[in-house]
Structure formats: structure tokens, C-alpha cells
Amino acid sequence: MFNSDTELMFPMRVAASLRDARGVQWAQLIDAVTSQQADLLDQSAFVLMMVKMGGCVACNSDSFRAMRGCTVCAHQTIRRFRGTDQELVEQYHQYHGDLANPPKKG
């Protein structure tokens, strides 16, 4: 089944629609990653967080999530998160740091 809202990984175009899904800290994070000043690292860290939280890697075209689309899945993922907004922001900062400073090999 084809759904035009389904992509391989979390699409940044969905981020702005998540702004009012939680509290003030979450809204501020969304504002930061969707602003004109947000760079690729900021957006990549947010995408990585959403991919891990939403299980995008295991999603396939035959799954119920894919049939519903990325927007609905992302909203459901954020609604189901049992932690606080502060924990979400900390998780984002952790992924941001991981991407900014990858471990050195060798």
C-alpha cells in the first residue's frame, strides 16, 4: 500500500506539527530545530532522536505504522513517551553531542 506521508526515516517536514504535542520545553525544542538558524547538525540530532524513539528502522511498507504515515506515527510516538519534556530535551542534546563528536576509531 502506498502512502505519500510515509518515508524511510523521520522526515523533518513533520517536526513543526509536533510543536503543541507536549509542554513549553518541547515547543521550544521544536522552534529551535525548525528555525531558519537551525543547522544540519541540529536537525540531524532531532531526526536521530525521532528515528530511535519511533522505531523507524524497523518500519516497512506493509506495517500498520507505514500505512498510517509518518505524521501520525510521530504524534503517537511523542504522546506515548512517558518521560518529561526535560528528558526529551536531554535526549536530543545527547544525540546532538554524539553527532558532533563521534567516537574515534583505532
PDB file of N, CA and C in Angstrom:
ATOM      1  N   MET A   1       0.841  -1.174   0.000  1.00  0.00           N
ATOM      2  CA  MET A   1       0.000   0.000   0.000  1.00  0.00           C
ATOM      3  C   MET A   1       0.886   1.238   0.000  1.00  0.00           C
ATOM      4  N   PHE A   2       0.534   2.242  -0.761  1.00  0.00           N
ATOM      5  CA  PHE A   2       1.323   3.460  -0.880  1.00  0.00           C
ATOM      6  C   PHE A   2       0.673   4.575  -0.069  1.00  0.00           C
ATOM      7  N   ASN A   3       1.475   5.251   0.738  1.00  0.00           N
ATOM      8  CA  ASN A   3       1.028   6.415   1.487  1.00  0.00           C
ATOM      9  C   ASN A   3       2.043   7.514   1.226  1.00  0.00           C
ATOM     10  N   SER A   4       1.602   8.632   0.700  1.00  0.00           N
ATOM     11  CA  SER A   4       2.529   9.712   0.352  1.00  0.00           C
ATOM     12  C   SER A   4       3.166  10.361   1.582  1.00  0.00           C
ATOM     13  N   ASP A   5       2.662  10.049   2.780  1.00  0.00           N
ATOM     14  CA  ASP A   5       3.223  10.599   4.010  1.00  0.00           C
ATOM     15  C   ASP A   5       4.250   9.660   4.642  1.00  0.00           C
ATOM     16  N   THR A   6       4.564   8.568   3.994  1.00  0.00           N
ATOM     17  CA  THR A   6       5.486   7.583   4.549  1.00  0.00           C
ATOM     18  C   THR A   6       6.840   7.684   3.858  1.00  0.00           C
ATOM     19  N   GLU A   7       7.887   7.823   4.673  1.00  0.00           N
ATOM     20  CA  GLU A   7       9.246   7.908   4.154  1.00  0.00           C
ATOM     21  C   GLU A   7      10.113   6.868   4.854  1.00  0.00           C
ATOM     22  N   LEU A   8      11.359   6.750   4.438  1.00  0.00           N
ATOM     23  CA  LEU A   8      12.249   5.748   5.019  1.00  0.00           C
ATOM     24  C   LEU A   8      12.622   6.057   6.460  1.00  0.00           C
ATOM     25  N   MET A   9      12.806   7.333   6.766  1.00  0.00           N
ATOM     26  CA  MET A   9      13.144   7.769   8.123  1.00  0.00           C
ATOM     27  C   MET A   9      12.251   8.952   8.464  1.00  0.00           C
ATOM     28  N   PHE A  10      12.314   9.365   9.725  1.00  0.00           N
ATOM     29  CA  PHE A  10      11.511  10.514  10.159  1.00  0.00           C
ATOM     30  C   PHE A  10      11.821  11.726   9.282  1.00  0.00           C
ATOM     31  N   PRO A  11      10.796  12.308   8.650  1.00  0.00           N
ATOM     32  CA  PRO A  11      11.016  13.492   7.806  1.00  0.00           C
ATOM     33  C   PRO A  11      10.920  14.785   8.625  1.00  0.00           C
ATOM     34  N   MET A  12      11.874  15.680   8.483  1.00  0.00           N
ATOM     35  CA  MET A  12      11.867  16.946   9.222  1.00  0.00           C
ATOM     36  C   MET A  12      10.615  17.768   8.935  1.00  0.00           C
ATOM     37  N   ARG A  13       9.991  17.566   7.815  1.00  0.00           N
ATOM     38  CA  ARG A  13       8.782  18.340   7.489  1.00  0.00           C
ATOM     39  C   ARG A  13       7.681  18.110   8.522  1.00  0.00           C
ATOM     40  N   VAL A  14       7.752  17.022   9.265  1.00  0.00           N
ATOM     41  CA  VAL A  14       6.734  16.688  10.263  1.00  0.00           C
ATOM     42  C   VAL A  14       7.004  17.390  11.597  1.00  0.00           C
ATOM     43  N   ALA A  15       8.240  17.800  11.831  1.00  0.00           N
ATOM     44  CA  ALA A  15       8.640  18.344  13.137  1.00  0.00           C
ATOM     45  C   ALA A  15       7.754  19.505  13.595  1.00  0.00           C
ATOM     46  N   ALA A  16       7.479  20.449  12.733  1.00  0.00           N
ATOM     47  CA  ALA A  16       6.681  21.617  13.134  1.00  0.00           C
ATOM     48  C   ALA A  16       5.292  21.218  13.631  1.00  0.00           C
ATOM     49  N   SER A  17       4.731  20.168  13.084  1.00  0.00           N
ATOM     50  CA  SER A  17       3.392  19.739  13.504  1.00  0.00           C
ATOM     51  C   SER A  17       3.387  19.127  14.899  1.00  0.00           C
ATOM     52  N   LEU A  18       4.569  18.819  15.435  1.00  0.00           N
ATOM     53  CA  LEU A  18       4.689  18.234  16.765  1.00  0.00           C
ATOM     54  C   LEU A  18       4.790  19.292  17.865  1.00  0.00           C
ATOM     55  N   ARG A  19       4.840  20.547  17.499  1.00  0.00           N
ATOM     56  CA  ARG A  19       5.093  21.638  18.445  1.00  0.00           C
ATOM     57  C   ARG A  19       4.147  21.628  19.640  1.00  0.00           C
ATOM     58  N   ASP A  20       2.882  21.444  19.418  1.00  0.00           N
ATOM     59  CA  ASP A  20       1.894  21.527  20.503  1.00  0.00           C
ATOM     60  C   ASP A  20       1.566  20.171  21.127  1.00  0.00           C
ATOM     61  N   ALA A  21       2.366  19.158  20.831  1.00  0.00           N
ATOM     62  CA  ALA A  21       2.096  17.815  21.338  1.00  0.00           C
ATOM     63  C   ALA A  21       2.444  17.652  22.810  1.00  0.00           C
ATOM     64  N   ARG A  22       3.287  18.550  23.334  1.00  0.00           N
ATOM     65  CA  ARG A  22       3.709  18.449  24.735  1.00  0.00           C
ATOM     66  C   ARG A  22       3.768  19.845  25.332  1.00  0.00           C
ATOM     67  N   GLY A  23       4.655  20.053  26.285  1.00  0.00           N
ATOM     68  CA  GLY A  23       4.724  21.321  27.003  1.00  0.00           C
ATOM     69  C   GLY A  23       5.651  22.356  26.397  1.00  0.00           C
ATOM     70  N   VAL A  24       5.973  23.343  27.223  1.00  0.00           N
ATOM     71  CA  VAL A  24       6.756  24.505  26.793  1.00  0.00           C
ATOM     72  C   VAL A  24       8.165  24.113  26.352  1.00  0.00           C
ATOM     73  N   GLN A  25       8.861  23.277  27.117  1.00  0.00           N
ATOM     74  CA  GLN A  25      10.231  22.889  26.748  1.00  0.00           C
ATOM     75  C   GLN A  25      10.250  22.170  25.408  1.00  0.00           C
ATOM     76  N   TRP A  26       9.282  21.324  25.172  1.00  0.00           N
ATOM     77  CA  TRP A  26       9.186  20.613  23.897  1.00  0.00           C
ATOM     78  C   TRP A  26       8.945  21.612  22.764  1.00  0.00           C
ATOM     79  N   ALA A  27       8.033  22.544  22.978  1.00  0.00           N
ATOM     80  CA  ALA A  27       7.726  23.556  21.953  1.00  0.00           C
ATOM     81  C   ALA A  27       8.972  24.377  21.631  1.00  0.00           C
ATOM     82  N   GLN A  28       9.760  24.706  22.661  1.00  0.00           N
ATOM     83  CA  GLN A  28      10.993  25.462  22.429  1.00  0.00           C
ATOM     84  C   GLN A  28      11.999  24.655  21.612  1.00  0.00           C
ATOM     85  N   LEU A  29      12.077  23.353  21.877  1.00  0.00           N
ATOM     86  CA  LEU A  29      12.966  22.492  21.096  1.00  0.00           C
ATOM     87  C   LEU A  29      12.518  22.458  19.633  1.00  0.00           C
ATOM     88  N   ILE A  30      11.234  22.289  19.425  1.00  0.00           N
ATOM     89  CA  ILE A  30      10.708  22.268  18.050  1.00  0.00           C
ATOM     90  C   ILE A  30      10.994  23.593  17.350  1.00  0.00           C
ATOM     91  N   ASP A  31      10.762  24.705  18.051  1.00  0.00           N
ATOM     92  CA  ASP A  31      11.052  26.020  17.470  1.00  0.00           C
ATOM     93  C   ASP A  31      12.528  26.128  17.077  1.00  0.00           C
ATOM     94  N   ALA A  32      13.403  25.606  17.933  1.00  0.00           N
ATOM     95  CA  ALA A  32      14.844  25.696  17.661  1.00  0.00           C
ATOM     96  C   ALA A  32      15.246  24.869  16.445  1.00  0.00           C
ATOM     97  N   VAL A  33      14.740  23.645  16.336  1.00  0.00           N
ATOM     98  CA  VAL A  33      15.188  22.778  15.231  1.00  0.00           C
ATOM     99  C   VAL A  33      14.488  23.093  13.913  1.00  0.00           C
ATOM    100  N   THR A  34      13.397  23.839  13.960  1.00  0.00           N
ATOM    101  CA  THR A  34      12.701  24.193  12.717  1.00  0.00           C
ATOM    102  C   THR A  34      12.953  25.637  12.292  1.00  0.00           C
ATOM    103  N   SER A  35      13.747  26.376  13.076  1.00  0.00           N
ATOM    104  CA  SER A  35      14.011  27.782  12.748  1.00  0.00           C
ATOM    105  C   SER A  35      14.979  27.895  11.579  1.00  0.00           C
ATOM    106  N   GLN A  36      15.046  29.090  11.044  1.00  0.00           N
ATOM    107  CA  GLN A  36      15.982  29.366   9.946  1.00  0.00           C
ATOM    108  C   GLN A  36      17.437  29.228  10.410  1.00  0.00           C
ATOM    109  N   GLN A  37      17.673  29.431  11.727  1.00  0.00           N
ATOM    110  CA  GLN A  37      19.030  29.370  12.252  1.00  0.00           C
ATOM    111  C   GLN A  37      19.487  27.939  12.539  1.00  0.00           C
ATOM    112  N   ALA A  38      18.587  26.988  12.530  1.00  0.00           N
ATOM    113  CA  ALA A  38      18.956  25.597  12.802  1.00  0.00           C
ATOM    114  C   ALA A  38      19.866  25.083  11.689  1.00  0.00           C
ATOM    115  N   ASP A  39      20.949  24.457  12.093  1.00  0.00           N
ATOM    116  CA  ASP A  39      21.853  23.910  11.083  1.00  0.00           C
ATOM    117  C   ASP A  39      21.577  22.418  10.881  1.00  0.00           C
ATOM    118  N   LEU A  40      22.326  21.824   9.997  1.00  0.00           N
ATOM    119  CA  LEU A  40      22.133  20.417   9.657  1.00  0.00           C
ATOM    120  C   LEU A  40      22.360  19.510  10.871  1.00  0.00           C
ATOM    121  N   LEU A  41      23.305  19.859  11.722  1.00  0.00           N
ATOM    122  CA  LEU A  41      23.577  19.069  12.919  1.00  0.00           C
ATOM    123  C   LEU A  41      22.378  19.096  13.872  1.00  0.00           C
ATOM    124  N   ASP A  42      21.781  20.268  14.060  1.00  0.00           N
ATOM    125  CA  ASP A  42      20.597  20.391  14.921  1.00  0.00           C
ATOM    126  C   ASP A  42      19.464  19.518  14.409  1.00  0.00           C
ATOM    127  N   GLN A  43      19.214  19.606  13.122  1.00  0.00           N
ATOM    128  CA  GLN A  43      18.122  18.838  12.526  1.00  0.00           C
ATOM    129  C   GLN A  43      18.428  17.352  12.504  1.00  0.00           C
ATOM    130  N   SER A  44      19.676  17.000  12.246  1.00  0.00           N
ATOM    131  CA  SER A  44      20.059  15.588  12.221  1.00  0.00           C
ATOM    132  C   SER A  44      19.906  14.952  13.598  1.00  0.00           C
ATOM    133  N   ALA A  45      20.247  15.683  14.647  1.00  0.00           N
ATOM    134  CA  ALA A  45      20.098  15.165  16.013  1.00  0.00           C
ATOM    135  C   ALA A  45      18.622  14.937  16.326  1.00  0.00           C
ATOM    136  N   PHE A  46      17.767  15.832  15.877  1.00  0.00           N
ATOM    137  CA  PHE A  46      16.333  15.666  16.113  1.00  0.00           C
ATOM    138  C   PHE A  46      15.800  14.468  15.330  1.00  0.00           C
ATOM    139  N   VAL A  47      16.216  14.342  14.093  1.00  0.00           N
ATOM    140  CA  VAL A  47      15.798  13.190  13.274  1.00  0.00           C
ATOM    141  C   VAL A  47      16.259  11.891  13.925  1.00  0.00           C
ATOM    142  N   LEU A  48      17.507  11.839  14.368  1.00  0.00           N
ATOM    143  CA  LEU A  48      18.029  10.641  15.019  1.00  0.00           C
ATOM    144  C   LEU A  48      17.207  10.289  16.255  1.00  0.00           C
ATOM    145  N   MET A  49      16.869  11.285  17.054  1.00  0.00           N
ATOM    146  CA  MET A  49      16.059  11.040  18.238  1.00  0.00           C
ATOM    147  C   MET A  49      14.702  10.451  17.864  1.00  0.00           C
ATOM    148  N   MET A  50      14.058  11.037  16.877  1.00  0.00           N
ATOM    149  CA  MET A  50      12.741  10.558  16.472  1.00  0.00           C
ATOM    150  C   MET A  50      12.814   9.162  15.837  1.00  0.00           C
ATOM    151  N   VAL A  51      13.870   8.902  15.070  1.00  0.00           N
ATOM    152  CA  VAL A  51      14.054   7.583  14.450  1.00  0.00           C
ATOM    153  C   VAL A  51      14.186   6.518  15.532  1.00  0.00           C
ATOM    154  N   LYS A  52      14.981   6.799  16.553  1.00  0.00           N
ATOM    155  CA  LYS A  52      15.177   5.824  17.628  1.00  0.00           C
ATOM    156  C   LYS A  52      13.918   5.654  18.467  1.00  0.00           C
ATOM    157  N   MET A  53      13.255   6.755  18.784  1.00  0.00           N
ATOM    158  CA  MET A  53      12.042   6.668  19.601  1.00  0.00           C
ATOM    159  C   MET A  53      10.898   5.984  18.854  1.00  0.00           C
ATOM    160  N   GLY A  54      10.776   6.295  17.571  1.00  0.00           N
ATOM    161  CA  GLY A  54       9.654   5.791  16.787  1.00  0.00           C
ATOM    162  C   GLY A  54       9.886   4.437  16.147  1.00  0.00           C
ATOM    163  N   GLY A  55      11.119   3.960  16.178  1.00  0.00           N
ATOM    164  CA  GLY A  55      11.416   2.674  15.569  1.00  0.00           C
ATOM    165  C   GLY A  55      11.353   2.700  14.048  1.00  0.00           C
ATOM    166  N   CYS A  56      11.768   3.804  13.466  1.00  0.00           N
ATOM    167  CA  CYS A  56      11.704   3.959  12.006  1.00  0.00           C
ATOM    168  C   CYS A  56      12.499   2.884  11.262  1.00  0.00           C
ATOM    169  N   VAL A  57      13.578   2.403  11.870  1.00  0.00           N
ATOM    170  CA  VAL A  57      14.439   1.420  11.204  1.00  0.00           C
ATOM    171  C   VAL A  57      13.675   0.127  10.934  1.00  0.00           C
ATOM    172  N   ALA A  58      12.776  -0.235  11.839  1.00  0.00           N
ATOM    173  CA  ALA A  58      12.020  -1.490  11.688  1.00  0.00           C
ATOM    174  C   ALA A  58      10.737  -1.315  10.884  1.00  0.00           C
ATOM    175  N   CYS A  59      10.401  -0.085  10.532  1.00  0.00           N
ATOM    176  CA  CYS A  59       9.168   0.179   9.779  1.00  0.00           C
ATOM    177  C   CYS A  59       9.343  -0.274   8.327  1.00  0.00           C
ATOM    178  N   ASN A  60       8.317  -0.875   7.772  1.00  0.00           N
ATOM    179  CA  ASN A  60       8.354  -1.254   6.360  1.00  0.00           C
ATOM    180  C   ASN A  60       6.998  -0.961   5.729  1.00  0.00           C
ATOM    181  N   SER A  61       6.924  -1.036   4.433  1.00  0.00           N
ATOM    182  CA  SER A  61       5.727  -0.615   3.714  1.00  0.00           C
ATOM    183  C   SER A  61       4.476  -1.409   4.065  1.00  0.00           C
ATOM    184  N   ASP A  62       4.639  -2.594   4.623  1.00  0.00           N
ATOM    185  CA  ASP A  62       3.483  -3.401   4.992  1.00  0.00           C
ATOM    186  C   ASP A  62       3.049  -3.205   6.441  1.00  0.00           C
ATOM    187  N   SER A  63       3.782  -2.392   7.191  1.00  0.00           N
ATOM    188  CA  SER A  63       3.451  -2.216   8.603  1.00  0.00           C
ATOM    189  C   SER A  63       2.281  -1.249   8.774  1.00  0.00           C
ATOM    190  N   PHE A  64       1.603  -1.414   9.887  1.00  0.00           N
ATOM    191  CA  PHE A  64       0.470  -0.541  10.193  1.00  0.00           C
ATOM    192  C   PHE A  64       0.926   0.910  10.307  1.00  0.00           C
ATOM    193  N   ARG A  65       2.101   1.113  10.914  1.00  0.00           N
ATOM    194  CA  ARG A  65       2.634   2.475  11.050  1.00  0.00           C
ATOM    195  C   ARG A  65       2.842   3.123   9.690  1.00  0.00           C
ATOM    196  N   ALA A  66       3.412   2.384   8.762  1.00  0.00           N
ATOM    197  CA  ALA A  66       3.666   2.939   7.431  1.00  0.00           C
ATOM    198  C   ALA A  66       2.370   3.258   6.708  1.00  0.00           C
ATOM    199  N   MET A  67       1.375   2.436   6.915  1.00  0.00           N
ATOM    200  CA  MET A  67       0.089   2.689   6.269  1.00  0.00           C
ATOM    201  C   MET A  67      -0.567   3.962   6.799  1.00  0.00           C
ATOM    202  N   ARG A  68      -0.322   4.270   8.074  1.00  0.00           N
ATOM    203  CA  ARG A  68      -0.888   5.476   8.668  1.00  0.00           C
ATOM    204  C   ARG A  68      -0.076   6.716   8.302  1.00  0.00           C
ATOM    205  N   GLY A  69       1.213   6.546   8.082  1.00  0.00           N
ATOM    206  CA  GLY A  69       2.059   7.669   7.685  1.00  0.00           C
ATOM    207  C   GLY A  69       2.940   8.181   8.807  1.00  0.00           C
ATOM    208  N   CYS A  70       3.983   8.892   8.422  1.00  0.00           N
ATOM    209  CA  CYS A  70       4.977   9.387   9.371  1.00  0.00           C
ATOM    210  C   CYS A  70       4.403  10.440  10.327  1.00  0.00           C
ATOM    211  N   THR A  71       3.516  11.274   9.857  1.00  0.00           N
ATOM    212  CA  THR A  71       2.958  12.321  10.716  1.00  0.00           C
ATOM    213  C   THR A  71       2.182  11.721  11.875  1.00  0.00           C
ATOM    214  N   VAL A  72       1.297  10.791  11.590  1.00  0.00           N
ATOM    215  CA  VAL A  72       0.506  10.146  12.642  1.00  0.00           C
ATOM    216  C   VAL A  72       1.411   9.350  13.571  1.00  0.00           C
ATOM    217  N   CYS A  73       2.366   8.644  13.016  1.00  0.00           N
ATOM    218  CA  CYS A  73       3.294   7.848  13.823  1.00  0.00           C
ATOM    219  C   CYS A  73       4.105   8.735  14.761  1.00  0.00           C
ATOM    220  N   ALA A  74       4.601   9.866  14.268  1.00  0.00           N
ATOM    221  CA  ALA A  74       5.399  10.771  15.095  1.00  0.00           C
ATOM    222  C   ALA A  74       4.565  11.341  16.241  1.00  0.00           C
ATOM    223  N   HIS A  75       3.339  11.722  15.957  1.00  0.00           N
ATOM    224  CA  HIS A  75       2.461  12.244  17.009  1.00  0.00           C
ATOM    225  C   HIS A  75       2.200  11.170  18.062  1.00  0.00           C
ATOM    226  N   GLN A  76       1.974   9.970  17.626  1.00  0.00           N
ATOM    227  CA  GLN A  76       1.732   8.867  18.552  1.00  0.00           C
ATOM    228  C   GLN A  76       2.988   8.581  19.384  1.00  0.00           C
ATOM    229  N   THR A  77       4.133   8.615  18.772  1.00  0.00           N
ATOM    230  CA  THR A  77       5.393   8.370  19.470  1.00  0.00           C
ATOM    231  C   THR A  77       5.600   9.398  20.580  1.00  0.00           C
ATOM    232  N   ILE A  78       5.367  10.653  20.283  1.00  0.00           N
ATOM    233  CA  ILE A  78       5.560  11.716  21.267  1.00  0.00           C
ATOM    234  C   ILE A  78       4.505  11.633  22.374  1.00  0.00           C
ATOM    235  N   ARG A  79       3.282  11.333  22.016  1.00  0.00           N
ATOM    236  CA  ARG A  79       2.221  11.189  23.031  1.00  0.00           C
ATOM    237  C   ARG A  79       2.510  10.034  23.978  1.00  0.00           C
ATOM    238  N   ARG A  80       3.064   8.959  23.466  1.00  0.00           N
ATOM    239  CA  ARG A  80       3.319   7.761  24.274  1.00  0.00           C
ATOM    240  C   ARG A  80       4.571   7.852  25.122  1.00  0.00           C
ATOM    241  N   PHE A  81       5.418   8.819  24.877  1.00  0.00           N
ATOM    242  CA  PHE A  81       6.643   8.955  25.655  1.00  0.00           C
ATOM    243  C   PHE A  81       6.272   9.252  27.105  1.00  0.00           C
ATOM    244  N   ARG A  82       6.743   8.424  28.014  1.00  0.00           N
ATOM    245  CA  ARG A  82       6.346   8.513  29.426  1.00  0.00           C
ATOM    246  C   ARG A  82       7.193   9.489  30.235  1.00  0.00           C
ATOM    247  N   GLY A  83       8.294   9.938  29.688  1.00  0.00           N
ATOM    248  CA  GLY A  83       9.163  10.849  30.417  1.00  0.00           C
ATOM    249  C   GLY A  83       8.679  12.286  30.337  1.00  0.00           C
ATOM    250  N   THR A  84       9.484  13.167  30.898  1.00  0.00           N
ATOM    251  CA  THR A  84       9.166  14.592  30.902  1.00  0.00           C
ATOM    252  C   THR A  84       9.711  15.266  29.636  1.00  0.00           C
ATOM    253  N   ASP A  85       9.274  16.499  29.441  1.00  0.00           N
ATOM    254  CA  ASP A  85       9.825  17.280  28.338  1.00  0.00           C
ATOM    255  C   ASP A  85      11.324  17.483  28.531  1.00  0.00           C
ATOM    256  N   GLN A  86      11.743  17.682  29.772  1.00  0.00           N
ATOM    257  CA  GLN A  86      13.162  17.861  30.070  1.00  0.00           C
ATOM    258  C   GLN A  86      13.957  16.634  29.636  1.00  0.00           C
ATOM    259  N   GLU A  87      13.406  15.444  29.852  1.00  0.00           N
ATOM    260  CA  GLU A  87      14.091  14.219  29.430  1.00  0.00           C
ATOM    261  C   GLU A  87      14.203  14.143  27.912  1.00  0.00           C
ATOM    262  N   LEU A  88      13.183  14.592  27.207  1.00  0.00           N
ATOM    263  CA  LEU A  88      13.240  14.626  25.744  1.00  0.00           C
ATOM    264  C   LEU A  88      14.326  15.598  25.273  1.00  0.00           C
ATOM    265  N   VAL A  89      14.375  16.762  25.895  1.00  0.00           N
ATOM    266  CA  VAL A  89      15.379  17.760  25.519  1.00  0.00           C
ATOM    267  C   VAL A  89      16.779  17.230  25.819  1.00  0.00           C
ATOM    268  N   GLU A  90      16.954  16.580  26.954  1.00  0.00           N
ATOM    269  CA  GLU A  90      18.253  15.994  27.290  1.00  0.00           C
ATOM    270  C   GLU A  90      18.649  14.907  26.297  1.00  0.00           C
ATOM    271  N   GLN A  91      17.674  14.108  25.896  1.00  0.00           N
ATOM    272  CA  GLN A  91      17.935  13.061  24.911  1.00  0.00           C
ATOM    273  C   GLN A  91      18.385  13.694  23.593  1.00  0.00           C
ATOM    274  N   TYR A  92      17.711  14.752  23.185  1.00  0.00           N
ATOM    275  CA  TYR A  92      18.110  15.478  21.972  1.00  0.00           C
ATOM    276  C   TYR A  92      19.554  15.974  22.093  1.00  0.00           C
ATOM    277  N   HIS A  93      19.886  16.582  23.222  1.00  0.00           N
ATOM    278  CA  HIS A  93      21.246  17.107  23.414  1.00  0.00           C
ATOM    279  C   HIS A  93      22.278  15.983  23.412  1.00  0.00           C
ATOM    280  N   GLN A  94      21.917  14.830  23.937  1.00  0.00           N
ATOM    281  CA  GLN A  94      22.824  13.679  23.921  1.00  0.00           C
ATOM    282  C   GLN A  94      23.125  13.265  22.464  1.00  0.00           C
ATOM    283  N   TYR A  95      22.077  13.155  21.645  1.00  0.00           N
ATOM    284  CA  TYR A  95      22.283  12.780  20.241  1.00  0.00           C
ATOM    285  C   TYR A  95      23.048  13.874  19.494  1.00  0.00           C
ATOM    286  N   HIS A  96      22.776  15.127  19.840  1.00  0.00           N
ATOM    287  CA  HIS A  96      23.487  16.246  19.217  1.00  0.00           C
ATOM    288  C   HIS A  96      24.982  16.118  19.507  1.00  0.00           C
ATOM    289  N   GLY A  97      25.306  15.832  20.768  1.00  0.00           N
ATOM    290  CA  GLY A  97      26.705  15.650  21.146  1.00  0.00           C
ATOM    291  C   GLY A  97      27.336  14.451  20.472  1.00  0.00           C
ATOM    292  N   ASP A  98      26.576  13.363  20.369  1.00  0.00           N
ATOM    293  CA  ASP A  98      27.093  12.160  19.715  1.00  0.00           C
ATOM    294  C   ASP A  98      27.433  12.427  18.252  1.00  0.00           C
ATOM    295  N   LEU A  99      26.596  13.196  17.584  1.00  0.00           N
ATOM    296  CA  LEU A  99      26.832  13.505  16.168  1.00  0.00           C
ATOM    297  C   LEU A  99      27.969  14.524  15.999  1.00  0.00           C
ATOM    298  N   ALA A 100      28.060  15.458  16.928  1.00  0.00           N
ATOM    299  CA  ALA A 100      29.096  16.494  16.848  1.00  0.00           C
ATOM    300  C   ALA A 100      30.480  15.938  17.163  1.00  0.00           C
ATOM    301  N   ASN A 101      30.523  14.940  18.051  1.00  0.00           N
ATOM    302  CA  ASN A 101      31.792  14.370  18.490  1.00  0.00           C
ATOM    303  C   ASN A 101      31.754  12.840  18.398  1.00  0.00           C
ATOM    304  N   PRO A 102      31.790  12.309  17.188  1.00  0.00           N
ATOM    305  CA  PRO A 102      31.732  10.848  17.061  1.00  0.00           C
ATOM    306  C   PRO A 102      32.967  10.202  17.680  1.00  0.00           C
ATOM    307  N   PRO A 103      32.811   8.986  18.185  1.00  0.00           N
ATOM    308  CA  PRO A 103      33.974   8.304  18.781  1.00  0.00           C
ATOM    309  C   PRO A 103      35.053   8.064  17.722  1.00  0.00           C
ATOM    310  N   LYS A 104      36.280   8.192  18.147  1.00  0.00           N
ATOM    311  CA  LYS A 104      37.404   7.988  17.229  1.00  0.00           C
ATOM    312  C   LYS A 104      37.732   6.501  17.156  1.00  0.00           C
ATOM    313  N   LYS A 105      37.972   6.047  15.960  1.00  0.00           N
ATOM    314  CA  LYS A 105      38.319   4.624  15.746  1.00  0.00           C
ATOM    315  C   LYS A 105      39.834   4.489  15.724  1.00  0.00           C
ATOM    316  N   GLY A 106      40.255   3.345  16.196  1.00  0.00           N
ATOM    317  CA  GLY A 106      41.643   2.997  16.074  1.00  0.00           C
ATOM    318  C   GLY A 106      42.445   3.444  17.177  1.00  0.00           C
TER     319      GLY A 106
END
